[in-house]
Amino acid sequence: MKVIITGATGMVGEGVLLECLENSAVEKVLMVNRKSSPLKHPKLAELIVPDFMNLESFTSELTGYDACFYCAGISSVGMNEEKFTQVTYDTTIYFAGKLASLNPDMVFTYVSGTHTDSSEKGKIMWARVKGKTENDLIKLPFKGVYNYRPGFMKPFKEQKNVKTFFKPIIFLFLILLPKRLSLTLKEVGQAMINNVNKGYPKNILEIEDIKIAAK
């Protein structure tokens, strides 16, 4: 399969990317980045897109893919709802809509987060916005849409894009958290790849669903 990945310069996207490069089911990966990545691999290509809300100049480069693993995202800390919605909802829906028009047989996977609010009416701002994003992605004319709600994720050892403050506490989380509440980024990547090939009976995958899909 041929895969587009966004967010490869962040921890989640980098982990999913590394699994795609290792996995024999994936023949080509296109990173769509705002800034260049130093990572090189025979399977890997990179497309620099400064503005994800302006893809008209890149339609040929984004055509001919089987899947998109949308791992781009930001924290809501310090952001108001209008700005967070612009980055999280508007950008994602525009990007996905463009891919759906170019690749109608594509499977689109969006990394959301545990406790996302599907009702769009809860008190937690980020959860409402991500819930609306999930809901509207499902309406797009893709072959399949999967919304991932992971919690704690253990990165690959060779990952570079891991926050400095996070590195010392990874081991602690692995000891304190029950296995049912944590994932590895290898599992996340495996599950995404398997969803493209095998499907899954749910549009929303919680931690346990991701574990099942990864097997």
Protein backbone atom coordinates (compact mmCIF):
# COMPACT_ATOMS: atom_id res chain seq x y z
CA MET A 1 0.00 0.00 0.00
CA LYS A 2 0.95 3.65 -0.47
CA VAL A 3 0.53 5.87 2.58
CA ILE A 4 0.47 9.60 3.36
CA ILE A 5 1.50 10.60 6.88
CA THR A 6 1.12 14.01 8.50
CA GLY A 7 2.76 14.98 11.78
CA ALA A 8 5.91 12.95 11.16
CA THR A 9 7.96 15.61 12.95
CA GLY A 10 5.98 14.92 16.15
CA MET A 11 6.17 11.91 18.45
CA VAL A 12 3.05 10.07 17.30
CA GLY A 13 3.59 10.68 13.60
CA GLU A 14 7.25 9.71 13.81
CA GLY A 15 6.37 6.45 15.55
CA VAL A 16 3.72 5.57 12.97
CA LEU A 17 6.17 6.47 10.22
CA LEU A 18 8.86 4.16 11.62
CA GLU A 19 6.40 1.27 11.71
CA CYS A 20 5.37 1.97 8.10
CA LEU A 21 9.00 1.91 7.01
CA GLU A 22 9.54 -1.44 8.77
CA ASN A 23 6.27 -3.03 7.67
CA SER A 24 6.35 -5.07 4.45
CA ALA A 25 2.70 -4.23 3.72
CA VAL A 26 3.72 -0.61 3.01
CA GLU A 27 5.57 0.04 -0.24
CA LYS A 28 5.70 3.85 -0.23
CA VAL A 29 5.31 6.60 2.37
CA LEU A 30 4.83 10.30 1.66
CA MET A 31 5.48 12.61 4.59
CA VAL A 32 3.50 15.82 4.27
CA ASN A 33 5.35 18.29 6.47
CA ARG A 34 5.52 22.01 7.09
CA LYS A 35 9.23 21.69 7.80
CA SER A 36 11.75 19.24 6.43
CA SER A 37 12.67 16.01 8.23
CA PRO A 38 16.23 14.63 8.15
CA LEU A 39 14.95 11.04 7.96
CA LYS A 40 15.92 9.16 4.80
CA HIS A 41 14.70 5.75 3.59
CA PRO A 42 14.20 4.05 0.19
CA LYS A 43 10.42 3.92 0.78
CA LEU A 44 10.19 7.52 1.92
CA ALA A 45 9.36 10.73 0.10
CA GLU A 46 8.66 14.18 1.53
CA LEU A 47 6.31 16.96 0.44
CA ILE A 48 6.71 20.36 2.09
CA VAL A 49 3.35 22.12 2.39
CA PRO A 50 3.65 25.42 4.26
CA ASP A 51 -0.13 25.83 4.64
CA PHE A 52 -2.34 22.74 5.05
CA MET A 53 -5.32 24.93 4.14
CA ASN A 54 -3.91 25.51 0.66
CA LEU A 55 -3.36 22.30 -1.29
CA GLU A 56 -4.29 23.42 -4.79
CA SER A 57 -0.66 23.40 -5.95
CA PHE A 58 -0.05 19.85 -4.70
CA THR A 59 -2.91 17.79 -6.14
CA SER A 60 -0.71 15.65 -8.38
CA GLU A 61 1.67 14.81 -5.50
CA LEU A 62 -1.25 13.79 -3.24
CA THR A 63 -2.98 11.52 -5.77
CA GLY A 64 -2.60 7.74 -5.98
CA TYR A 65 -2.53 6.80 -2.29
CA ASP A 66 -4.38 4.07 -0.38
CA ALA A 67 -4.28 5.57 3.09
CA CYS A 68 -3.64 8.71 5.12
CA PHE A 69 -2.50 8.50 8.72
CA TYR A 70 -3.27 11.99 10.03
CA CYS A 71 -1.08 12.39 13.11
CA ALA A 72 -0.66 16.17 13.03
CA GLY A 73 -2.05 18.07 16.00
CA ILE A 74 -1.39 20.55 18.78
CA SER A 75 -2.02 20.86 22.49
CA SER A 76 -4.94 23.04 23.58
CA VAL A 77 -2.93 24.47 26.48
CA GLY A 78 -3.00 28.28 26.32
CA MET A 79 -5.30 28.37 23.29
CA ASN A 80 -8.82 29.72 23.04
CA GLU A 81 -11.57 27.68 21.36
CA GLU A 82 -11.57 29.70 18.15
CA LYS A 83 -7.86 29.19 17.49
CA PHE A 84 -7.89 25.55 18.56
CA THR A 85 -10.86 24.89 16.28
CA GLN A 86 -9.10 26.54 13.36
CA VAL A 87 -6.02 24.32 13.73
CA THR A 88 -7.69 21.09 14.86
CA TYR A 89 -11.04 21.07 13.03
CA ASP A 90 -10.83 23.42 10.04
CA THR A 91 -7.39 22.29 8.88
CA THR A 92 -8.07 18.58 9.34
CA ILE A 93 -11.44 18.67 7.55
CA TYR A 94 -10.06 20.70 4.65
CA PHE A 95 -7.03 18.43 4.26
CA ALA A 96 -9.15 15.27 4.48
CA GLY A 97 -11.76 16.63 2.09
CA LYS A 98 -9.12 17.35 -0.52
CA LEU A 99 -7.67 13.84 -0.18
CA ALA A 100 -11.16 12.31 -0.46
CA SER A 101 -11.70 14.10 -3.76
CA LEU A 102 -8.33 12.92 -5.10
CA ASN A 103 -8.36 9.37 -3.68
CA PRO A 104 -11.94 8.07 -3.26
CA ASP A 105 -10.69 4.56 -2.37
CA MET A 106 -8.52 5.91 0.46
CA VAL A 107 -8.74 4.89 4.13
CA PHE A 108 -8.29 7.91 6.42
CA THR A 109 -7.11 7.54 10.03
CA TYR A 110 -7.24 10.46 12.46
CA VAL A 111 -5.40 10.48 15.79
CA SER A 112 -7.74 12.07 18.28
CA GLY A 113 -7.36 11.19 21.96
CA THR A 114 -8.90 9.34 24.85
CA HIS A 115 -11.93 11.13 26.40
CA THR A 116 -12.82 12.85 23.11
CA ASP A 117 -16.44 14.05 23.28
CA SER A 118 -18.60 12.63 20.48
CA SER A 119 -21.63 14.60 21.71
CA GLU A 120 -19.77 17.88 21.00
CA LYS A 121 -21.59 19.34 24.04
CA GLY A 122 -19.32 18.63 27.01
CA LYS A 123 -17.54 21.15 29.21
CA ILE A 124 -13.99 20.31 28.02
CA MET A 125 -13.14 22.47 25.02
CA TRP A 126 -10.54 20.29 23.32
CA ALA A 127 -12.74 17.20 23.69
CA ARG A 128 -15.71 18.95 22.02
CA VAL A 129 -13.59 20.18 19.11
CA LYS A 130 -12.00 16.79 18.53
CA GLY A 131 -15.40 15.15 18.81
CA LYS A 132 -16.77 17.38 16.07
CA THR A 133 -13.68 16.64 13.97
CA GLU A 134 -14.22 12.89 14.36
CA ASN A 135 -17.93 13.16 13.56
CA ASP A 136 -17.43 15.18 10.39
CA LEU A 137 -14.54 13.05 9.13
CA ILE A 138 -16.85 10.03 9.18
CA LYS A 139 -19.19 11.87 6.80
CA LEU A 140 -16.52 12.30 4.11
CA PRO A 141 -16.62 9.96 1.08
CA PHE A 142 -13.62 7.81 1.95
CA LYS A 143 -13.51 4.02 1.63
CA GLY A 144 -13.09 4.02 5.40
CA VAL A 145 -12.48 6.44 8.29
CA TYR A 146 -11.01 5.44 11.66
CA ASN A 147 -10.66 7.76 14.63
CA TYR A 148 -7.98 6.68 17.10
CA ARG A 149 -8.27 7.52 20.80
CA PRO A 150 -4.97 6.39 22.33
CA GLY A 151 -3.77 7.27 25.82
CA PHE A 152 -0.16 6.81 26.89
CA MET A 153 2.03 5.63 24.01
CA LYS A 154 5.54 4.25 24.36
CA PRO A 155 7.79 5.52 21.53
CA PHE A 156 10.32 3.52 19.53
CA LYS A 157 13.81 3.61 21.08
CA GLU A 158 15.24 5.32 18.00
CA GLN A 159 12.70 8.14 17.94
CA LYS A 160 14.06 11.68 17.88
CA ASN A 161 10.84 13.68 18.29
CA VAL A 162 10.08 12.94 21.93
CA LYS A 163 9.61 15.85 24.32
CA THR A 164 12.53 16.19 26.74
CA PHE A 165 10.25 16.27 29.78
CA PHE A 166 8.56 13.04 28.65
CA LYS A 167 11.67 10.87 28.34
CA PRO A 168 12.40 10.40 32.09
CA ILE A 169 8.82 9.45 32.92
CA ILE A 170 8.27 6.83 30.19
CA PHE A 171 9.64 4.03 32.38
CA LEU A 172 7.56 5.24 35.34
CA PHE A 173 4.36 5.22 33.27
CA LEU A 174 5.09 1.69 32.07
CA ILE A 175 5.34 0.52 35.70
CA LEU A 176 2.35 2.42 37.09
CA LEU A 177 -0.16 2.16 34.24
CA PRO A 178 -2.09 -1.07 33.68
CA LYS A 179 -1.28 -2.56 30.27
CA ARG A 180 -4.88 -2.02 29.20
CA LEU A 181 -4.37 1.75 29.50
CA SER A 182 -1.16 2.02 27.48
CA LEU A 183 0.04 1.33 23.95
CA THR A 184 3.29 1.28 22.04
CA LEU A 185 3.59 3.39 18.94
CA LYS A 186 4.47 0.18 17.11
CA GLU A 187 1.01 -1.13 18.01
CA VAL A 188 -0.59 2.10 16.83
CA GLY A 189 1.19 1.91 13.48
CA GLN A 190 0.42 -1.79 13.07
CA ALA A 191 -3.25 -1.19 13.79
CA MET A 192 -3.48 1.59 11.21
CA ILE A 193 -1.89 -0.58 8.54
CA ASN A 194 -4.15 -3.52 9.41
CA ASN A 195 -7.25 -1.30 9.22
CA VAL A 196 -6.41 -0.47 5.61
CA ASN A 197 -6.04 -4.13 4.67
CA LYS A 198 -8.63 -5.74 6.92
CA GLY A 199 -11.03 -3.00 8.06
CA TYR A 200 -12.48 -2.78 11.56
CA PRO A 201 -16.10 -2.93 12.79
CA LYS A 202 -15.92 0.46 14.56
CA ASN A 203 -15.14 3.99 13.34
CA ILE A 204 -13.85 4.98 16.78
CA LEU A 205 -11.03 2.89 18.21
CA GLU A 206 -10.34 3.17 21.91
CA ILE A 207 -7.16 1.74 23.46
CA GLU A 208 -8.43 -1.85 23.57
CA ASP A 209 -9.66 -1.64 19.98
CA ILE A 210 -6.23 -0.44 18.84
CA LYS A 211 -4.61 -3.38 20.62
CA ILE A 212 -6.99 -5.80 18.88
CA ALA A 213 -6.49 -4.18 15.47
CA ALA A 214 -2.70 -4.36 15.87
CA LYS A 215 -2.69 -8.17 16.19
